Amino acid sequence: MKNYHIKRVNPSEGAGRVSVEVHDGDKRRLLDPRPSQQVYNHSPDGFEFGYHGSGPAQLALAILLDFTDNTRVSRQLYQQFKADHIATLPEEGGIILGNTIFNWVSDNYQQE
């Protein structure tokens, strides 16, 4: 299951300098913001976390799109996911486990 390792690349450079490494078994890759920006472009400058804003919204949308591979689910849930998981990350970042995302989506998704 995918896990998301979120950290600041160069904290002294400020906003937009956030890296998200996706761990999927033995595979590692960086999370690309472009697919989420095609759905809704909150932050052309990239990801952020630790507050309620456009960069954290972009990160929440990107993680949900990557994890669920479902635009409809991601659009419905990303603002609440931001509030529950992205805005609350500490300054140094953290890891969001796939099990956490799976359980959270299961508890929060309402089919229309």
PDB file of N, CA and C in Angstrom:
ATOM      1  N   MET A   1       0.846  -1.183   0.000  1.00  0.00           N
ATOM      2  CA  MET A   1       0.000   0.000   0.000  1.00  0.00           C
ATOM      3  C   MET A   1       0.888   1.241   0.000  1.00  0.00           C
ATOM      4  N   LYS A   2       0.447   2.276  -0.679  1.00  0.00           N
ATOM      5  CA  LYS A   2       1.223   3.507  -0.807  1.00  0.00           C
ATOM      6  C   LYS A   2       1.260   4.276   0.511  1.00  0.00           C
ATOM      7  N   ASN A   3       2.432   4.834   0.814  1.00  0.00           N
ATOM      8  CA  ASN A   3       2.623   5.745   1.938  1.00  0.00           C
ATOM      9  C   ASN A   3       3.246   7.021   1.388  1.00  0.00           C
ATOM     10  N   TYR A   4       2.910   8.161   1.999  1.00  0.00           N
ATOM     11  CA  TYR A   4       3.327   9.471   1.500  1.00  0.00           C
ATOM     12  C   TYR A   4       4.225  10.156   2.523  1.00  0.00           C
ATOM     13  N   HIS A   5       5.496  10.372   2.142  1.00  0.00           N
ATOM     14  CA  HIS A   5       6.499  10.989   3.007  1.00  0.00           C
ATOM     15  C   HIS A   5       6.636  12.452   2.581  1.00  0.00           C
ATOM     16  N   ILE A   6       6.198  13.339   3.447  1.00  0.00           N
ATOM     17  CA  ILE A   6       6.093  14.764   3.130  1.00  0.00           C
ATOM     18  C   ILE A   6       7.157  15.527   3.914  1.00  0.00           C
ATOM     19  N   LYS A   7       7.946  16.349   3.216  1.00  0.00           N
ATOM     20  CA  LYS A   7       8.980  17.121   3.908  1.00  0.00           C
ATOM     21  C   LYS A   7       9.286  18.400   3.139  1.00  0.00           C
ATOM     22  N   ARG A   8       9.904  19.320   3.845  1.00  0.00           N
ATOM     23  CA  ARG A   8      10.381  20.555   3.224  1.00  0.00           C
ATOM     24  C   ARG A   8      11.745  20.294   2.599  1.00  0.00           C
ATOM     25  N   VAL A   9      11.926  20.753   1.365  1.00  0.00           N
ATOM     26  CA  VAL A   9      13.184  20.555   0.662  1.00  0.00           C
ATOM     27  C   VAL A   9      14.250  21.476   1.241  1.00  0.00           C
ATOM     28  N   ASN A  10      13.973  22.763   1.275  1.00  0.00           N
ATOM     29  CA  ASN A  10      14.865  23.765   1.856  1.00  0.00           C
ATOM     30  C   ASN A  10      14.014  24.707   2.692  1.00  0.00           C
ATOM     31  N   PRO A  11      13.868  24.447   3.981  1.00  0.00           N
ATOM     32  CA  PRO A  11      12.969  25.258   4.803  1.00  0.00           C
ATOM     33  C   PRO A  11      13.247  26.759   4.729  1.00  0.00           C
ATOM     34  N   SER A  12      14.485  27.136   4.503  1.00  0.00           N
ATOM     35  CA  SER A  12      14.822  28.561   4.461  1.00  0.00           C
ATOM     36  C   SER A  12      14.273  29.251   3.210  1.00  0.00           C
ATOM     37  N   GLU A  13      13.874  28.483   2.185  1.00  0.00           N
ATOM     38  CA  GLU A  13      13.368  29.069   0.948  1.00  0.00           C
ATOM     39  C   GLU A  13      11.880  29.357   0.988  1.00  0.00           C
ATOM     40  N   GLY A  14      11.176  28.891   1.998  1.00  0.00           N
ATOM     41  CA  GLY A  14       9.765  29.231   2.168  1.00  0.00           C
ATOM     42  C   GLY A  14       8.813  28.341   1.405  1.00  0.00           C
ATOM     43  N   ALA A  15       7.638  28.882   1.096  1.00  0.00           N
ATOM     44  CA  ALA A  15       6.539  28.134   0.502  1.00  0.00           C
ATOM     45  C   ALA A  15       6.903  27.546  -0.859  1.00  0.00           C
ATOM     46  N   GLY A  16       6.213  26.483  -1.205  1.00  0.00           N
ATOM     47  CA  GLY A  16       6.411  25.869  -2.503  1.00  0.00           C
ATOM     48  C   GLY A  16       7.608  24.954  -2.598  1.00  0.00           C
ATOM     49  N   ARG A  17       8.257  24.718  -1.504  1.00  0.00           N
ATOM     50  CA  ARG A  17       9.450  23.881  -1.498  1.00  0.00           C
ATOM     51  C   ARG A  17       9.174  22.601  -0.714  1.00  0.00           C
ATOM     52  N   VAL A  18       8.120  21.916  -1.096  1.00  0.00           N
ATOM     53  CA  VAL A  18       7.705  20.702  -0.411  1.00  0.00           C
ATOM     54  C   VAL A  18       7.864  19.519  -1.359  1.00  0.00           C
ATOM     55  N   SER A  19       8.436  18.450  -0.835  1.00  0.00           N
ATOM     56  CA  SER A  19       8.637  17.226  -1.586  1.00  0.00           C
ATOM     57  C   SER A  19       7.786  16.123  -0.968  1.00  0.00           C
ATOM     58  N   VAL A  20       7.156  15.341  -1.823  1.00  0.00           N
ATOM     59  CA  VAL A  20       6.372  14.200  -1.358  1.00  0.00           C
ATOM     60  C   VAL A  20       6.899  12.965  -2.078  1.00  0.00           C
ATOM     61  N   GLU A  21       7.460  12.054  -1.293  1.00  0.00           N
ATOM     62  CA  GLU A  21       7.949  10.804  -1.848  1.00  0.00           C
ATOM     63  C   GLU A  21       6.914   9.719  -1.574  1.00  0.00           C
ATOM     64  N   VAL A  22       6.496   9.060  -2.651  1.00  0.00           N
ATOM     65  CA  VAL A  22       5.515   7.986  -2.540  1.00  0.00           C
ATOM     66  C   VAL A  22       6.277   6.674  -2.437  1.00  0.00           C
ATOM     67  N   HIS A  23       6.027   5.949  -1.357  1.00  0.00           N
ATOM     68  CA  HIS A  23       6.612   4.623  -1.157  1.00  0.00           C
ATOM     69  C   HIS A  23       5.519   3.607  -1.446  1.00  0.00           C
ATOM     70  N   ASP A  24       5.758   2.768  -2.427  1.00  0.00           N
ATOM     71  CA  ASP A  24       4.786   1.740  -2.816  1.00  0.00           C
ATOM     72  C   ASP A  24       5.539   0.416  -2.902  1.00  0.00           C
ATOM     73  N   GLY A  25       5.571  -0.314  -1.788  1.00  0.00           N
ATOM     74  CA  GLY A  25       6.394  -1.517  -1.716  1.00  0.00           C
ATOM     75  C   GLY A  25       7.855  -1.130  -1.821  1.00  0.00           C
ATOM     76  N   ASP A  26       8.556  -1.716  -2.772  1.00  0.00           N
ATOM     77  CA  ASP A  26       9.977  -1.404  -2.978  1.00  0.00           C
ATOM     78  C   ASP A  26      10.189  -0.201  -3.888  1.00  0.00           C
ATOM     79  N   LYS A  27       9.124   0.324  -4.468  1.00  0.00           N
ATOM     80  CA  LYS A  27       9.238   1.444  -5.409  1.00  0.00           C
ATOM     81  C   LYS A  27       9.134   2.773  -4.685  1.00  0.00           C
ATOM     82  N   ARG A  28       9.909   3.745  -5.170  1.00  0.00           N
ATOM     83  CA  ARG A  28       9.892   5.108  -4.647  1.00  0.00           C
ATOM     84  C   ARG A  28       9.806   6.067  -5.822  1.00  0.00           C
ATOM     85  N   ARG A  29       8.981   7.113  -5.651  1.00  0.00           N
ATOM     86  CA  ARG A  29       8.879   8.150  -6.683  1.00  0.00           C
ATOM     87  C   ARG A  29       8.392   9.428  -6.036  1.00  0.00           C
ATOM     88  N   LEU A  30       8.618  10.547  -6.708  1.00  0.00           N
ATOM     89  CA  LEU A  30       8.102  11.823  -6.229  1.00  0.00           C
ATOM     90  C   LEU A  30       6.684  12.023  -6.747  1.00  0.00           C
ATOM     91  N   LEU A  31       5.844  12.591  -5.901  1.00  0.00           N
ATOM     92  CA  LEU A  31       4.469  12.897  -6.290  1.00  0.00           C
ATOM     93  C   LEU A  31       4.481  14.131  -7.184  1.00  0.00           C
ATOM     94  N   ASP A  32       3.930  14.003  -8.356  1.00  0.00           N
ATOM     95  CA  ASP A  32       3.882  15.073  -9.352  1.00  0.00           C
ATOM     96  C   ASP A  32       2.611  15.903  -9.139  1.00  0.00           C
ATOM     97  N   PRO A  33       2.708  17.225  -9.002  1.00  0.00           N
ATOM     98  CA  PRO A  33       1.511  18.040  -8.795  1.00  0.00           C
ATOM     99  C   PRO A  33       0.655  18.213 -10.051  1.00  0.00           C
ATOM    100  N   ARG A  34       1.214  17.983 -11.228  1.00  0.00           N
ATOM    101  CA  ARG A  34       0.501  18.311 -12.476  1.00  0.00           C
ATOM    102  C   ARG A  34      -0.837  17.586 -12.668  1.00  0.00           C
ATOM    103  N   PRO A  35      -0.950  16.291 -12.367  1.00  0.00           N
ATOM    104  CA  PRO A  35      -2.284  15.677 -12.526  1.00  0.00           C
ATOM    105  C   PRO A  35      -3.350  16.352 -11.662  1.00  0.00           C
ATOM    106  N   SER A  36      -2.996  16.721 -10.443  1.00  0.00           N
ATOM    107  CA  SER A  36      -3.981  17.385  -9.581  1.00  0.00           C
ATOM    108  C   SER A  36      -4.258  18.810 -10.066  1.00  0.00           C
ATOM    109  N   GLN A  37      -3.269  19.473 -10.634  1.00  0.00           N
ATOM    110  CA  GLN A  37      -3.467  20.822 -11.152  1.00  0.00           C
ATOM    111  C   GLN A  37      -4.376  20.824 -12.382  1.00  0.00           C
ATOM    112  N   GLN A  38      -4.453  19.708 -13.086  1.00  0.00           N
ATOM    113  CA  GLN A  38      -5.373  19.600 -14.221  1.00  0.00           C
ATOM    114  C   GLN A  38      -6.817  19.464 -13.747  1.00  0.00           C
ATOM    115  N   VAL A  39      -7.009  18.961 -12.531  1.00  0.00           N
ATOM    116  CA  VAL A  39      -8.350  18.856 -11.957  1.00  0.00           C
ATOM    117  C   VAL A  39      -8.756  20.209 -11.376  1.00  0.00           C
ATOM    118  N   TYR A  40      -7.866  20.789 -10.569  1.00  0.00           N
ATOM    119  CA  TYR A  40      -8.105  22.108  -9.978  1.00  0.00           C
ATOM    120  C   TYR A  40      -6.755  22.702  -9.612  1.00  0.00           C
ATOM    121  N   ASN A  41      -6.420  23.829 -10.207  1.00  0.00           N
ATOM    122  CA  ASN A  41      -5.104  24.422 -10.000  1.00  0.00           C
ATOM    123  C   ASN A  41      -5.150  25.448  -8.854  1.00  0.00           C
ATOM    124  N   HIS A  42      -5.057  24.940  -7.645  1.00  0.00           N
ATOM    125  CA  HIS A  42      -5.019  25.804  -6.468  1.00  0.00           C
ATOM    126  C   HIS A  42      -3.677  26.516  -6.344  1.00  0.00           C
ATOM    127  N   SER A  43      -2.603  25.806  -6.680  1.00  0.00           N
ATOM    128  CA  SER A  43      -1.271  26.311  -6.369  1.00  0.00           C
ATOM    129  C   SER A  43      -0.275  25.990  -7.483  1.00  0.00           C
ATOM    130  N   PRO A  44      -0.080  26.900  -8.436  1.00  0.00           N
ATOM    131  CA  PRO A  44       0.905  26.670  -9.485  1.00  0.00           C
ATOM    132  C   PRO A  44       2.325  26.544  -8.939  1.00  0.00           C
ATOM    133  N   ASP A  45       2.550  27.057  -7.726  1.00  0.00           N
ATOM    134  CA  ASP A  45       3.887  27.016  -7.129  1.00  0.00           C
ATOM    135  C   ASP A  45       4.195  25.699  -6.434  1.00  0.00           C
ATOM    136  N   GLY A  46       3.218  24.813  -6.307  1.00  0.00           N
ATOM    137  CA  GLY A  46       3.495  23.508  -5.716  1.00  0.00           C
ATOM    138  C   GLY A  46       2.761  23.276  -4.409  1.00  0.00           C
ATOM    139  N   PHE A  47       3.235  22.268  -3.714  1.00  0.00           N
ATOM    140  CA  PHE A  47       2.601  21.799  -2.490  1.00  0.00           C
ATOM    141  C   PHE A  47       3.024  22.596  -1.263  1.00  0.00           C
ATOM    142  N   GLU A  48       2.164  22.569  -0.269  1.00  0.00           N
ATOM    143  CA  GLU A  48       2.463  23.104   1.069  1.00  0.00           C
ATOM    144  C   GLU A  48       1.684  22.276   2.074  1.00  0.00           C
ATOM    145  N   PHE A  49       1.947  22.521   3.355  1.00  0.00           N
ATOM    146  CA  PHE A  49       1.237  21.826   4.427  1.00  0.00           C
ATOM    147  C   PHE A  49       1.368  22.632   5.703  1.00  0.00           C
ATOM    148  N   GLY A  50       0.589  22.248   6.718  1.00  0.00           N
ATOM    149  CA  GLY A  50       0.699  22.874   8.029  1.00  0.00           C
ATOM    150  C   GLY A  50      -0.240  24.049   8.252  1.00  0.00           C
ATOM    151  N   TYR A  51      -1.116  24.339   7.304  1.00  0.00           N
ATOM    152  CA  TYR A  51      -2.103  25.412   7.452  1.00  0.00           C
ATOM    153  C   TYR A  51      -3.221  25.159   6.440  1.00  0.00           C
ATOM    154  N   HIS A  52      -4.265  25.954   6.485  1.00  0.00           N
ATOM    155  CA  HIS A  52      -5.404  25.832   5.569  1.00  0.00           C
ATOM    156  C   HIS A  52      -5.221  26.849   4.450  1.00  0.00           C
ATOM    157  N   GLY A  53      -4.745  26.401   3.306  1.00  0.00           N
ATOM    158  CA  GLY A  53      -4.520  27.322   2.197  1.00  0.00           C
ATOM    159  C   GLY A  53      -4.483  26.598   0.870  1.00  0.00           C
ATOM    160  N   SER A  54      -4.052  27.314  -0.172  1.00  0.00           N
ATOM    161  CA  SER A  54      -4.071  26.765  -1.524  1.00  0.00           C
ATOM    162  C   SER A  54      -3.017  25.673  -1.744  1.00  0.00           C
ATOM    163  N   GLY A  55      -1.812  25.862  -1.226  1.00  0.00           N
ATOM    164  CA  GLY A  55      -0.771  24.833  -1.353  1.00  0.00           C
ATOM    165  C   GLY A  55      -1.155  23.536  -0.655  1.00  0.00           C
ATOM    166  N   PRO A  56      -1.676  23.603   0.578  1.00  0.00           N
ATOM    167  CA  PRO A  56      -2.167  22.389   1.225  1.00  0.00           C
ATOM    168  C   PRO A  56      -3.358  21.757   0.487  1.00  0.00           C
ATOM    169  N   ALA A  57      -4.220  22.566  -0.097  1.00  0.00           N
ATOM    170  CA  ALA A  57      -5.332  22.012  -0.879  1.00  0.00           C
ATOM    171  C   ALA A  57      -4.806  21.235  -2.078  1.00  0.00           C
ATOM    172  N   GLN A  58      -3.778  21.783  -2.742  1.00  0.00           N
ATOM    173  CA  GLN A  58      -3.194  21.086  -3.894  1.00  0.00           C
ATOM    174  C   GLN A  58      -2.584  19.762  -3.467  1.00  0.00           C
ATOM    175  N   LEU A  59      -1.914  19.757  -2.326  1.00  0.00           N
ATOM    176  CA  LEU A  59      -1.313  18.527  -1.827  1.00  0.00           C
ATOM    177  C   LEU A  59      -2.381  17.497  -1.480  1.00  0.00           C
ATOM    178  N   ALA A  60      -3.440  17.914  -0.813  1.00  0.00           N
ATOM    179  CA  ALA A  60      -4.522  16.987  -0.452  1.00  0.00           C
ATOM    180  C   ALA A  60      -5.144  16.377  -1.705  1.00  0.00           C
ATOM    181  N   LEU A  61      -5.408  17.206  -2.704  1.00  0.00           N
ATOM    182  CA  LEU A  61      -5.986  16.716  -3.947  1.00  0.00           C
ATOM    183  C   LEU A  61      -5.029  15.742  -4.637  1.00  0.00           C
ATOM    184  N   ALA A  62      -3.749  16.087  -4.687  1.00  0.00           N
ATOM    185  CA  ALA A  62      -2.759  15.228  -5.345  1.00  0.00           C
ATOM    186  C   ALA A  62      -2.648  13.863  -4.664  1.00  0.00           C
ATOM    187  N   ILE A  63      -2.621  13.853  -3.343  1.00  0.00           N
ATOM    188  CA  ILE A  63      -2.519  12.585  -2.619  1.00  0.00           C
ATOM    189  C   ILE A  63      -3.757  11.733  -2.866  1.00  0.00           C
ATOM    190  N   LEU A  64      -4.934  12.317  -2.755  1.00  0.00           N
ATOM    191  CA  LEU A  64      -6.153  11.532  -2.963  1.00  0.00           C
ATOM    192  C   LEU A  64      -6.260  11.021  -4.401  1.00  0.00           C
ATOM    193  N   LEU A  65      -5.901  11.852  -5.378  1.00  0.00           N
ATOM    194  CA  LEU A  65      -5.911  11.389  -6.769  1.00  0.00           C
ATOM    195  C   LEU A  65      -4.944  10.226  -6.967  1.00  0.00           C
ATOM    196  N   ASP A  66      -3.762  10.362  -6.418  1.00  0.00           N
ATOM    197  CA  ASP A  66      -2.752   9.318  -6.561  1.00  0.00           C
ATOM    198  C   ASP A  66      -3.180   8.041  -5.860  1.00  0.00           C
ATOM    199  N   PHE A  67      -3.722   8.171  -4.673  1.00  0.00           N
ATOM    200  CA  PHE A  67      -4.079   6.997  -3.881  1.00  0.00           C
ATOM    201  C   PHE A  67      -5.317   6.292  -4.428  1.00  0.00           C
ATOM    202  N   THR A  68      -6.369   7.059  -4.743  1.00  0.00           N
ATOM    203  CA  THR A  68      -7.632   6.451  -5.158  1.00  0.00           C
ATOM    204  C   THR A  68      -7.729   6.219  -6.663  1.00  0.00           C
ATOM    205  N   ASP A  69      -6.978   6.994  -7.443  1.00  0.00           N
ATOM    206  CA  ASP A  69      -7.080   6.978  -8.899  1.00  0.00           C
ATOM    207  C   ASP A  69      -8.525   7.239  -9.327  1.00  0.00           C
ATOM    208  N   ASN A  70      -9.203   8.121  -8.565  1.00  0.00           N
ATOM    209  CA  ASN A  70     -10.606   8.404  -8.818  1.00  0.00           C
ATOM    210  C   ASN A  70     -10.842   9.912  -8.647  1.00  0.00           C
ATOM    211  N   THR A  71     -11.066  10.587  -9.759  1.00  0.00           N
ATOM    212  CA  THR A  71     -11.245  12.040  -9.727  1.00  0.00           C
ATOM    213  C   THR A  71     -12.491  12.433  -8.943  1.00  0.00           C
ATOM    214  N   ARG A  72     -13.567  11.703  -9.109  1.00  0.00           N
ATOM    215  CA  ARG A  72     -14.815  12.031  -8.428  1.00  0.00           C
ATOM    216  C   ARG A  72     -14.657  11.964  -6.903  1.00  0.00           C
ATOM    217  N   VAL A  73     -14.078  10.900  -6.418  1.00  0.00           N
ATOM    218  CA  VAL A  73     -13.853  10.740  -4.978  1.00  0.00           C
ATOM    219  C   VAL A  73     -12.927  11.844  -4.484  1.00  0.00           C
ATOM    220  N   SER A  74     -11.860  12.088  -5.214  1.00  0.00           N
ATOM    221  CA  SER A  74     -10.863  13.081  -4.804  1.00  0.00           C
ATOM    222  C   SER A  74     -11.458  14.480  -4.743  1.00  0.00           C
ATOM    223  N   ARG A  75     -12.245  14.855  -5.751  1.00  0.00           N
ATOM    224  CA  ARG A  75     -12.883  16.182  -5.761  1.00  0.00           C
ATOM    225  C   ARG A  75     -13.818  16.360  -4.568  1.00  0.00           C
ATOM    226  N   GLN A  76     -14.551  15.309  -4.244  1.00  0.00           N
ATOM    227  CA  GLN A  76     -15.509  15.404  -3.144  1.00  0.00           C
ATOM    228  C   GLN A  76     -14.819  15.536  -1.788  1.00  0.00           C
ATOM    229  N   LEU A  77     -13.663  14.909  -1.629  1.00  0.00           N
ATOM    230  CA  LEU A  77     -13.081  14.763  -0.295  1.00  0.00           C
ATOM    231  C   LEU A  77     -11.846  15.610   0.011  1.00  0.00           C
ATOM    232  N   TYR A  78     -11.206  16.196  -0.982  1.00  0.00           N
ATOM    233  CA  TYR A  78      -9.879  16.757  -0.722  1.00  0.00           C
ATOM    234  C   TYR A  78      -9.864  17.927   0.263  1.00  0.00           C
ATOM    235  N   GLN A  79     -10.886  18.763   0.291  1.00  0.00           N
ATOM    236  CA  GLN A  79     -10.865  19.887   1.238  1.00  0.00           C
ATOM    237  C   GLN A  79     -10.950  19.380   2.685  1.00  0.00           C
ATOM    238  N   GLN A  80     -11.763  18.358   2.914  1.00  0.00           N
ATOM    239  CA  GLN A  80     -11.839  17.789   4.264  1.00  0.00           C
ATOM    240  C   GLN A  80     -10.570  17.024   4.606  1.00  0.00           C
ATOM    241  N   PHE A  81      -9.982  16.338   3.615  1.00  0.00           N
ATOM    242  CA  PHE A  81      -8.711  15.641   3.834  1.00  0.00           C
ATOM    243  C   PHE A  81      -7.619  16.650   4.205  1.00  0.00           C
ATOM    244  N   LYS A  82      -7.653  17.789   3.526  1.00  0.00           N
ATOM    245  CA  LYS A  82      -6.710  18.866   3.864  1.00  0.00           C
ATOM    246  C   LYS A  82      -6.866  19.267   5.325  1.00  0.00           C
ATOM    247  N   ALA A  83      -8.083  19.508   5.746  1.00  0.00           N
ATOM    248  CA  ALA A  83      -8.333  19.937   7.125  1.00  0.00           C
ATOM    249  C   ALA A  83      -7.922  18.873   8.139  1.00  0.00           C
ATOM    250  N   ASP A  84      -8.204  17.625   7.828  1.00  0.00           N
ATOM    251  CA  ASP A  84      -7.955  16.539   8.776  1.00  0.00           C
ATOM    252  C   ASP A  84      -6.501  16.069   8.808  1.00  0.00           C
ATOM    253  N   HIS A  85      -5.798  16.139   7.666  1.00  0.00           N
ATOM    254  CA  HIS A  85      -4.464  15.523   7.601  1.00  0.00           C
ATOM    255  C   HIS A  85      -3.333  16.429   7.127  1.00  0.00           C
ATOM    256  N   ILE A  86      -3.589  17.329   6.206  1.00  0.00           N
ATOM    257  CA  ILE A  86      -2.512  18.144   5.627  1.00  0.00           C
ATOM    258  C   ILE A  86      -2.266  19.402   6.452  1.00  0.00           C
ATOM    259  N   ALA A  87      -3.321  20.079   6.836  1.00  0.00           N
ATOM    260  CA  ALA A  87      -3.175  21.317   7.608  1.00  0.00           C
ATOM    261  C   ALA A  87      -2.611  21.060   9.003  1.00  0.00           C
ATOM    262  N   THR A  88      -2.734  19.849   9.479  1.00  0.00           N
ATOM    263  CA  THR A  88      -2.292  19.518  10.839  1.00  0.00           C
ATOM    264  C   THR A  88      -0.873  18.956  10.905  1.00  0.00           C
ATOM    265  N   LEU A  89      -0.221  18.798   9.760  1.00  0.00           N
ATOM    266  CA  LEU A  89       1.154  18.293   9.778  1.00  0.00           C
ATOM    267  C   LEU A  89       2.087  19.304  10.443  1.00  0.00           C
ATOM    268  N   PRO A  90       3.054  18.816  11.218  1.00  0.00           N
ATOM    269  CA  PRO A  90       4.005  19.736  11.843  1.00  0.00           C
ATOM    270  C   PRO A  90       4.956  20.351  10.813  1.00  0.00           C
ATOM    271  N   GLU A  91       5.654  21.374  11.210  1.00  0.00           N
ATOM    272  CA  GLU A  91       6.568  22.135  10.339  1.00  0.00           C
ATOM    273  C   GLU A  91       7.565  21.240   9.590  1.00  0.00           C
ATOM    274  N   GLU A  92       8.031  20.178  10.228  1.00  0.00           N
ATOM    275  CA  GLU A  92       9.034  19.308   9.601  1.00  0.00           C
ATOM    276  C   GLU A  92       8.411  18.286   8.647  1.00  0.00           C
ATOM    277  N   GLY A  93       7.080  18.199   8.604  1.00  0.00           N
ATOM    278  CA  GLY A  93       6.425  17.239   7.716  1.00  0.00           C
ATOM    279  C   GLY A  93       6.059  15.965   8.436  1.00  0.00           C
ATOM    280  N   GLY A  94       5.890  14.910   7.675  1.00  0.00           N
ATOM    281  CA  GLY A  94       5.517  13.637   8.274  1.00  0.00           C
ATOM    282  C   GLY A  94       5.149  12.618   7.221  1.00  0.00           C
ATOM    283  N   ILE A  95       4.598  11.507   7.692  1.00  0.00           N
ATOM    284  CA  ILE A  95       4.207  10.407   6.825  1.00  0.00           C
ATOM    285  C   ILE A  95       2.706  10.186   6.980  1.00  0.00           C
ATOM    286  N   ILE A  96       2.033  10.064   5.847  1.00  0.00           N
ATOM    287  CA  ILE A  96       0.631   9.685   5.859  1.00  0.00           C
ATOM    288  C   ILE A  96       0.569   8.273   5.277  1.00  0.00           C
ATOM    289  N   LEU A  97       0.146   7.347   6.110  1.00  0.00           N
ATOM    290  CA  LEU A  97       0.120   5.941   5.723  1.00  0.00           C
ATOM    291  C   LEU A  97      -1.087   5.627   4.844  1.00  0.00           C
ATOM    292  N   GLY A  98      -0.884   4.717   3.923  1.00  0.00           N
ATOM    293  CA  GLY A  98      -1.954   4.289   3.054  1.00  0.00           C
ATOM    294  C   GLY A  98      -3.151   3.745   3.815  1.00  0.00           C
ATOM    295  N   ASN A  99      -2.907   3.015   4.882  1.00  0.00           N
ATOM    296  CA  ASN A  99      -4.014   2.495   5.691  1.00  0.00           C
ATOM    297  C   ASN A  99      -4.851   3.629   6.271  1.00  0.00           C
ATOM    298  N   THR A 100      -4.191   4.688   6.680  1.00  0.00           N
ATOM    299  CA  THR A 100      -4.892   5.860   7.210  1.00  0.00           C
ATOM    300  C   THR A 100      -5.781   6.466   6.131  1.00  0.00           C
ATOM    301  N   ILE A 101      -5.236   6.620   4.921  1.00  0.00           N
ATOM    302  CA  ILE A 101      -6.005   7.204   3.823  1.00  0.00           C
ATOM    303  C   ILE A 101      -7.174   6.292   3.453  1.00  0.00           C
ATOM    304  N   PHE A 102      -6.914   5.006   3.338  1.00  0.00           N
ATOM    305  CA  PHE A 102      -7.974   4.056   2.979  1.00  0.00           C
ATOM    306  C   PHE A 102      -9.127   4.121   3.977  1.00  0.00           C
ATOM    307  N   ASN A 103      -8.806   4.069   5.259  1.00  0.00           N
ATOM    308  CA  ASN A 103      -9.841   4.117   6.296  1.00  0.00           C
ATOM    309  C   ASN A 103     -10.577   5.455   6.293  1.00  0.00           C
ATOM    310  N   TRP A 104      -9.822   6.544   6.117  1.00  0.00           N
ATOM    311  CA  TRP A 104     -10.432   7.875   6.103  1.00  0.00           C
ATOM    312  C   TRP A 104     -11.394   8.008   4.920  1.00  0.00           C
ATOM    313  N   VAL A 105     -10.964   7.580   3.723  1.00  0.00           N
ATOM    314  CA  VAL A 105     -11.833   7.655   2.543  1.00  0.00           C
ATOM    315  C   VAL A 105     -13.075   6.788   2.763  1.00  0.00           C
ATOM    316  N   SER A 106     -12.887   5.591   3.292  1.00  0.00           N
ATOM    317  CA  SER A 106     -14.013   4.698   3.547  1.00  0.00           C
ATOM    318  C   SER A 106     -15.039   5.330   4.488  1.00  0.00           C
ATOM    319  N   ASP A 107     -14.547   6.057   5.471  1.00  0.00           N
ATOM    320  CA  ASP A 107     -15.435   6.696   6.451  1.00  0.00           C
ATOM    321  C   ASP A 107     -16.105   7.963   5.928  1.00  0.00           C
ATOM    322  N   ASN A 108     -15.501   8.624   4.927  1.00  0.00           N
ATOM    323  CA  ASN A 108     -15.970   9.945   4.512  1.00  0.00           C
ATOM    324  C   ASN A 108     -16.614  10.037   3.148  1.00  0.00           C
ATOM    325  N   TYR A 109     -16.407   9.061   2.283  1.00  0.00           N
ATOM    326  CA  TYR A 109     -16.963   9.157   0.927  1.00  0.00           C
ATOM    327  C   TYR A 109     -18.448   8.843   0.923  1.00  0.00           C
ATOM    328  N   GLN A 110     -19.216   9.743   0.346  1.00  0.00           N
ATOM    329  CA  GLN A 110     -20.652   9.577   0.186  1.00  0.00           C
ATOM    330  C   GLN A 110     -20.958   9.519  -1.306  1.00  0.00           C
ATOM    331  N   GLN A 111     -21.410   8.382  -1.780  1.00  0.00           N
ATOM    332  CA  GLN A 111     -21.757   8.290  -3.198  1.00  0.00           C
ATOM    333  C   GLN A 111     -22.943   9.187  -3.499  1.00  0.00           C
ATOM    334  N   GLU A 112     -22.844   9.868  -4.605  1.00  0.00           N
ATOM    335  CA  GLU A 112     -23.921  10.810  -4.987  1.00  0.00           C
ATOM    336  C   GLU A 112     -24.992  10.112  -5.783  1.00  0.00           C
TER     337      GLU A 112
END
